[in-house]
Structures are given as structure tokens and as C-alpha cells.
């Protein structure tokens, strides 16, 4: 699916859905507003965020923190935690 990226402003394909780990509206926001190139940049930054804050995927608060960091990095309006 082609999108106009909210981060870089360029036209591009959205990231592959299986690469976006969020559920519900958060996933839809990424797929409808972020290009694959910017998503790839986030994936590199994601590792740094996880390591810097020593996040654990077993902790719901850590998952929420990571999602907020993702939405901030990508310039999406709000990093709603996935509730599904």
C-alpha cells in the first residue's frame, strides 16, 4: 500500500504488516502513515531504546514505553498503547 509518510513527507510503500508489532489502531496508524524506509530507521533505533532503558517485553509498562518512543520517533500524533 502506498502512503505519504508523516515523518519524511515522501511517497512510499507502507512497512510489511508482519513487521509492525502493535495491535489495533496503533498498527493501523503506522501502516497508513509511515513509509517502509522510516520504519526501517525505527527498527534500528528500537534496539537502542530497548538496550538503553533495559526494557522487558514481559512488562506491559515497558511495552507501552517502547510504543510511545516509536510514535515519538515517527512523529505520529499519539502513541496509544495497544489494548488488544
N, C-alpha and C. Protein backbone atom coordinates (compact mmCIF):
# COMPACT_ATOMS: atom_id res chain seq x y z
N UNK A 1 0.85 -1.18 0.00
CA UNK A 1 0.00 0.00 0.00
C UNK A 1 0.89 1.24 0.00
N UNK A 2 0.61 2.18 -0.85
CA UNK A 2 1.37 3.41 -0.94
C UNK A 2 0.83 4.44 0.04
N UNK A 3 1.75 5.14 0.72
CA UNK A 3 1.36 6.16 1.70
C UNK A 3 2.22 7.40 1.50
N UNK A 4 1.73 8.53 1.99
CA UNK A 4 2.55 9.73 2.13
C UNK A 4 3.00 9.71 3.59
N UNK A 5 4.29 9.55 3.78
CA UNK A 5 4.84 9.36 5.12
C UNK A 5 4.70 10.63 5.96
N UNK A 6 4.21 10.47 7.18
CA UNK A 6 4.05 11.60 8.10
C UNK A 6 5.39 12.02 8.70
N UNK A 7 6.41 11.18 8.59
CA UNK A 7 7.72 11.52 9.14
C UNK A 7 8.58 12.24 8.12
N UNK A 8 8.70 11.69 6.93
CA UNK A 8 9.61 12.27 5.92
C UNK A 8 8.88 13.04 4.83
N UNK A 9 7.56 12.85 4.72
CA UNK A 9 6.78 13.57 3.73
C UNK A 9 6.84 13.02 2.33
N UNK A 10 7.54 11.92 2.12
CA UNK A 10 7.67 11.35 0.78
C UNK A 10 6.64 10.24 0.56
N UNK A 11 6.35 9.99 -0.71
CA UNK A 11 5.51 8.85 -1.07
C UNK A 11 6.33 7.58 -0.96
N UNK A 12 5.71 6.53 -0.49
CA UNK A 12 6.40 5.26 -0.39
C UNK A 12 5.45 4.16 0.02
N UNK A 13 5.95 2.96 0.01
CA UNK A 13 5.15 1.82 0.45
C UNK A 13 5.15 1.75 1.97
N UNK A 14 4.04 1.30 2.53
CA UNK A 14 3.99 1.11 3.98
C UNK A 14 4.84 -0.11 4.35
N UNK A 15 5.24 -0.20 5.62
CA UNK A 15 6.03 -1.36 6.02
C UNK A 15 5.20 -2.64 5.94
N UNK A 16 5.85 -3.79 5.82
CA UNK A 16 5.10 -5.04 5.81
C UNK A 16 4.35 -5.20 7.14
N UNK A 17 3.08 -5.53 7.10
CA UNK A 17 2.28 -5.64 8.33
C UNK A 17 2.89 -6.56 9.38
N UNK A 18 3.55 -7.63 8.95
CA UNK A 18 4.10 -8.56 9.93
C UNK A 18 5.30 -7.96 10.68
N UNK A 19 5.86 -6.84 10.23
CA UNK A 19 6.99 -6.19 10.89
C UNK A 19 6.54 -5.17 11.94
N UNK A 20 5.24 -4.84 11.96
CA UNK A 20 4.71 -3.86 12.92
C UNK A 20 4.08 -4.63 14.09
N UNK A 21 4.72 -4.58 15.27
CA UNK A 21 4.30 -5.45 16.37
C UNK A 21 3.10 -4.95 17.18
N UNK A 22 2.50 -3.86 16.77
CA UNK A 22 1.38 -3.31 17.54
C UNK A 22 0.07 -3.93 17.10
N UNK A 23 -0.95 -3.70 17.93
CA UNK A 23 -2.28 -4.21 17.62
C UNK A 23 -3.24 -3.04 17.41
N UNK A 24 -4.36 -3.35 16.81
CA UNK A 24 -5.46 -2.40 16.70
C UNK A 24 -5.12 -1.11 15.99
N UNK A 25 -5.56 0.00 16.58
CA UNK A 25 -5.42 1.32 15.97
C UNK A 25 -3.96 1.74 15.85
N UNK A 26 -3.12 1.36 16.80
CA UNK A 26 -1.71 1.73 16.74
C UNK A 26 -1.06 1.14 15.47
N UNK A 27 -1.36 -0.11 15.19
CA UNK A 27 -0.83 -0.75 13.98
C UNK A 27 -1.37 -0.06 12.73
N UNK A 28 -2.66 0.23 12.73
CA UNK A 28 -3.28 0.90 11.59
C UNK A 28 -2.66 2.28 11.36
N UNK A 29 -2.35 3.01 12.44
CA UNK A 29 -1.73 4.32 12.32
C UNK A 29 -0.36 4.23 11.64
N UNK A 30 0.42 3.23 12.02
CA UNK A 30 1.74 3.05 11.41
C UNK A 30 1.59 2.66 9.94
N UNK A 31 0.75 1.69 9.66
CA UNK A 31 0.60 1.20 8.29
C UNK A 31 0.02 2.25 7.34
N UNK A 32 -0.79 3.15 7.86
CA UNK A 32 -1.42 4.14 6.99
C UNK A 32 -0.65 5.46 6.92
N UNK A 33 0.39 5.61 7.76
CA UNK A 33 1.05 6.90 7.78
C UNK A 33 2.56 6.90 7.76
N UNK A 34 3.19 5.73 7.70
CA UNK A 34 4.65 5.66 7.76
C UNK A 34 5.16 4.82 6.59
N UNK A 35 6.23 5.31 5.95
CA UNK A 35 6.81 4.55 4.84
C UNK A 35 7.76 3.47 5.37
N UNK A 36 8.04 2.51 4.53
CA UNK A 36 8.91 1.39 4.91
C UNK A 36 10.31 1.87 5.27
N UNK A 37 10.79 2.90 4.61
CA UNK A 37 12.12 3.42 4.88
C UNK A 37 12.22 3.99 6.30
N UNK A 38 11.24 4.79 6.70
CA UNK A 38 11.24 5.35 8.05
C UNK A 38 11.02 4.25 9.09
N UNK A 39 10.21 3.25 8.75
CA UNK A 39 10.01 2.13 9.68
C UNK A 39 11.33 1.39 9.89
N UNK A 40 12.10 1.24 8.83
CA UNK A 40 13.40 0.58 8.92
C UNK A 40 14.33 1.37 9.85
N UNK A 41 14.28 2.70 9.76
CA UNK A 41 15.07 3.54 10.67
C UNK A 41 14.63 3.30 12.11
N UNK A 42 13.31 3.20 12.34
CA UNK A 42 12.82 2.94 13.68
C UNK A 42 13.34 1.60 14.21
N UNK A 43 13.36 0.60 13.37
CA UNK A 43 13.82 -0.72 13.82
C UNK A 43 15.26 -0.65 14.32
N UNK A 44 16.08 0.17 13.72
CA UNK A 44 17.44 0.37 14.23
C UNK A 44 17.44 1.11 15.55
N UNK A 45 16.60 2.14 15.65
CA UNK A 45 16.50 2.91 16.89
C UNK A 45 15.86 2.10 18.01
N UNK A 46 14.94 1.23 17.65
CA UNK A 46 14.24 0.40 18.64
C UNK A 46 15.22 -0.40 19.48
N UNK A 47 16.23 -0.96 18.86
CA UNK A 47 17.23 -1.74 19.58
C UNK A 47 17.94 -0.86 20.59
N UNK A 48 18.27 0.36 20.20
CA UNK A 48 18.94 1.28 21.12
C UNK A 48 18.05 1.63 22.31
N UNK A 49 16.76 1.87 22.04
CA UNK A 49 15.82 2.21 23.12
C UNK A 49 15.69 1.03 24.09
N UNK A 50 15.54 -0.17 23.55
CA UNK A 50 15.40 -1.36 24.40
C UNK A 50 16.64 -1.53 25.28
N UNK A 51 17.81 -1.38 24.69
CA UNK A 51 19.04 -1.55 25.45
C UNK A 51 19.27 -0.42 26.46
N UNK A 52 19.02 0.81 26.03
CA UNK A 52 19.26 1.97 26.91
C UNK A 52 18.40 1.91 28.17
N UNK A 53 17.13 1.55 28.00
CA UNK A 53 16.21 1.53 29.14
C UNK A 53 16.05 0.13 29.73
N UNK A 54 16.77 -0.83 29.16
CA UNK A 54 16.69 -2.23 29.63
C UNK A 54 15.24 -2.72 29.72
N UNK A 55 14.54 -2.56 28.60
CA UNK A 55 13.13 -2.91 28.55
C UNK A 55 12.93 -4.41 28.43
N UNK A 56 11.88 -4.88 29.06
CA UNK A 56 11.49 -6.28 29.00
C UNK A 56 10.11 -6.37 28.37
N UNK A 57 9.98 -7.23 27.37
CA UNK A 57 8.69 -7.38 26.70
C UNK A 57 7.66 -8.06 27.60
N UNK A 58 8.10 -8.63 28.71
CA UNK A 58 7.17 -9.27 29.64
C UNK A 58 6.43 -8.24 30.49
N UNK A 59 6.95 -7.04 30.57
CA UNK A 59 6.36 -5.98 31.40
C UNK A 59 5.48 -5.09 30.52
N UNK A 60 4.17 -5.04 30.81
CA UNK A 60 3.26 -4.21 30.00
C UNK A 60 3.66 -2.73 29.98
N UNK A 61 4.19 -2.21 31.08
CA UNK A 61 4.62 -0.81 31.10
C UNK A 61 5.80 -0.58 30.16
N UNK A 62 6.69 -1.56 30.06
CA UNK A 62 7.82 -1.44 29.16
C UNK A 62 7.36 -1.48 27.71
N UNK A 63 6.39 -2.31 27.41
CA UNK A 63 5.85 -2.35 26.04
C UNK A 63 5.20 -1.02 25.69
N UNK A 64 4.49 -0.44 26.63
CA UNK A 64 3.85 0.86 26.43
C UNK A 64 4.91 1.95 26.21
N UNK A 65 5.98 1.90 26.99
CA UNK A 65 7.06 2.87 26.86
C UNK A 65 7.71 2.77 25.47
N UNK A 66 7.92 1.55 25.01
CA UNK A 66 8.52 1.35 23.69
C UNK A 66 7.60 1.86 22.59
N UNK A 67 6.31 1.64 22.73
CA UNK A 67 5.37 2.12 21.73
C UNK A 67 5.34 3.64 21.72
N UNK A 68 5.37 4.27 22.89
CA UNK A 68 5.41 5.74 22.94
C UNK A 68 6.67 6.27 22.27
N UNK A 69 7.81 5.62 22.54
CA UNK A 69 9.07 6.03 21.92
C UNK A 69 8.98 5.90 20.40
N UNK A 70 8.36 4.84 19.94
CA UNK A 70 8.17 4.62 18.50
C UNK A 70 7.35 5.74 17.89
N UNK A 71 6.22 6.06 18.49
CA UNK A 71 5.34 7.09 17.94
C UNK A 71 6.01 8.46 17.99
N UNK A 72 6.80 8.72 19.04
CA UNK A 72 7.54 9.98 19.10
C UNK A 72 8.57 10.05 17.98
N UNK A 73 9.31 8.97 17.78
CA UNK A 73 10.34 8.91 16.74
C UNK A 73 9.74 9.10 15.36
N UNK A 74 8.60 8.50 15.13
CA UNK A 74 7.97 8.55 13.81
C UNK A 74 7.14 9.81 13.59
N UNK A 75 6.92 10.58 14.65
CA UNK A 75 6.15 11.80 14.52
C UNK A 75 4.66 11.58 14.39
N UNK A 76 4.19 10.46 14.89
CA UNK A 76 2.75 10.20 14.88
C UNK A 76 2.12 10.94 16.05
N UNK A 77 0.88 11.33 15.91
CA UNK A 77 0.25 12.24 16.86
C UNK A 77 0.16 11.71 18.27
N UNK A 78 -0.11 10.45 18.43
CA UNK A 78 -0.17 9.91 19.78
C UNK A 78 0.22 8.46 19.78
N UNK A 79 1.00 8.08 20.77
CA UNK A 79 1.43 6.70 20.91
C UNK A 79 0.48 5.98 21.84
N UNK A 80 -0.68 5.66 21.31
CA UNK A 80 -1.65 4.94 22.13
C UNK A 80 -1.16 3.54 22.43
N UNK A 81 -1.21 3.15 23.68
CA UNK A 81 -0.83 1.77 23.98
C UNK A 81 -1.82 0.78 23.36
N UNK A 82 -1.30 -0.30 22.89
CA UNK A 82 -2.16 -1.36 22.33
C UNK A 82 -2.91 -2.02 23.47
N UNK A 83 -4.22 -2.08 23.36
CA UNK A 83 -5.01 -2.67 24.43
C UNK A 83 -5.57 -4.03 24.02
N UNK A 84 -5.23 -4.48 22.85
CA UNK A 84 -5.79 -5.76 22.37
C UNK A 84 -4.83 -6.88 22.62
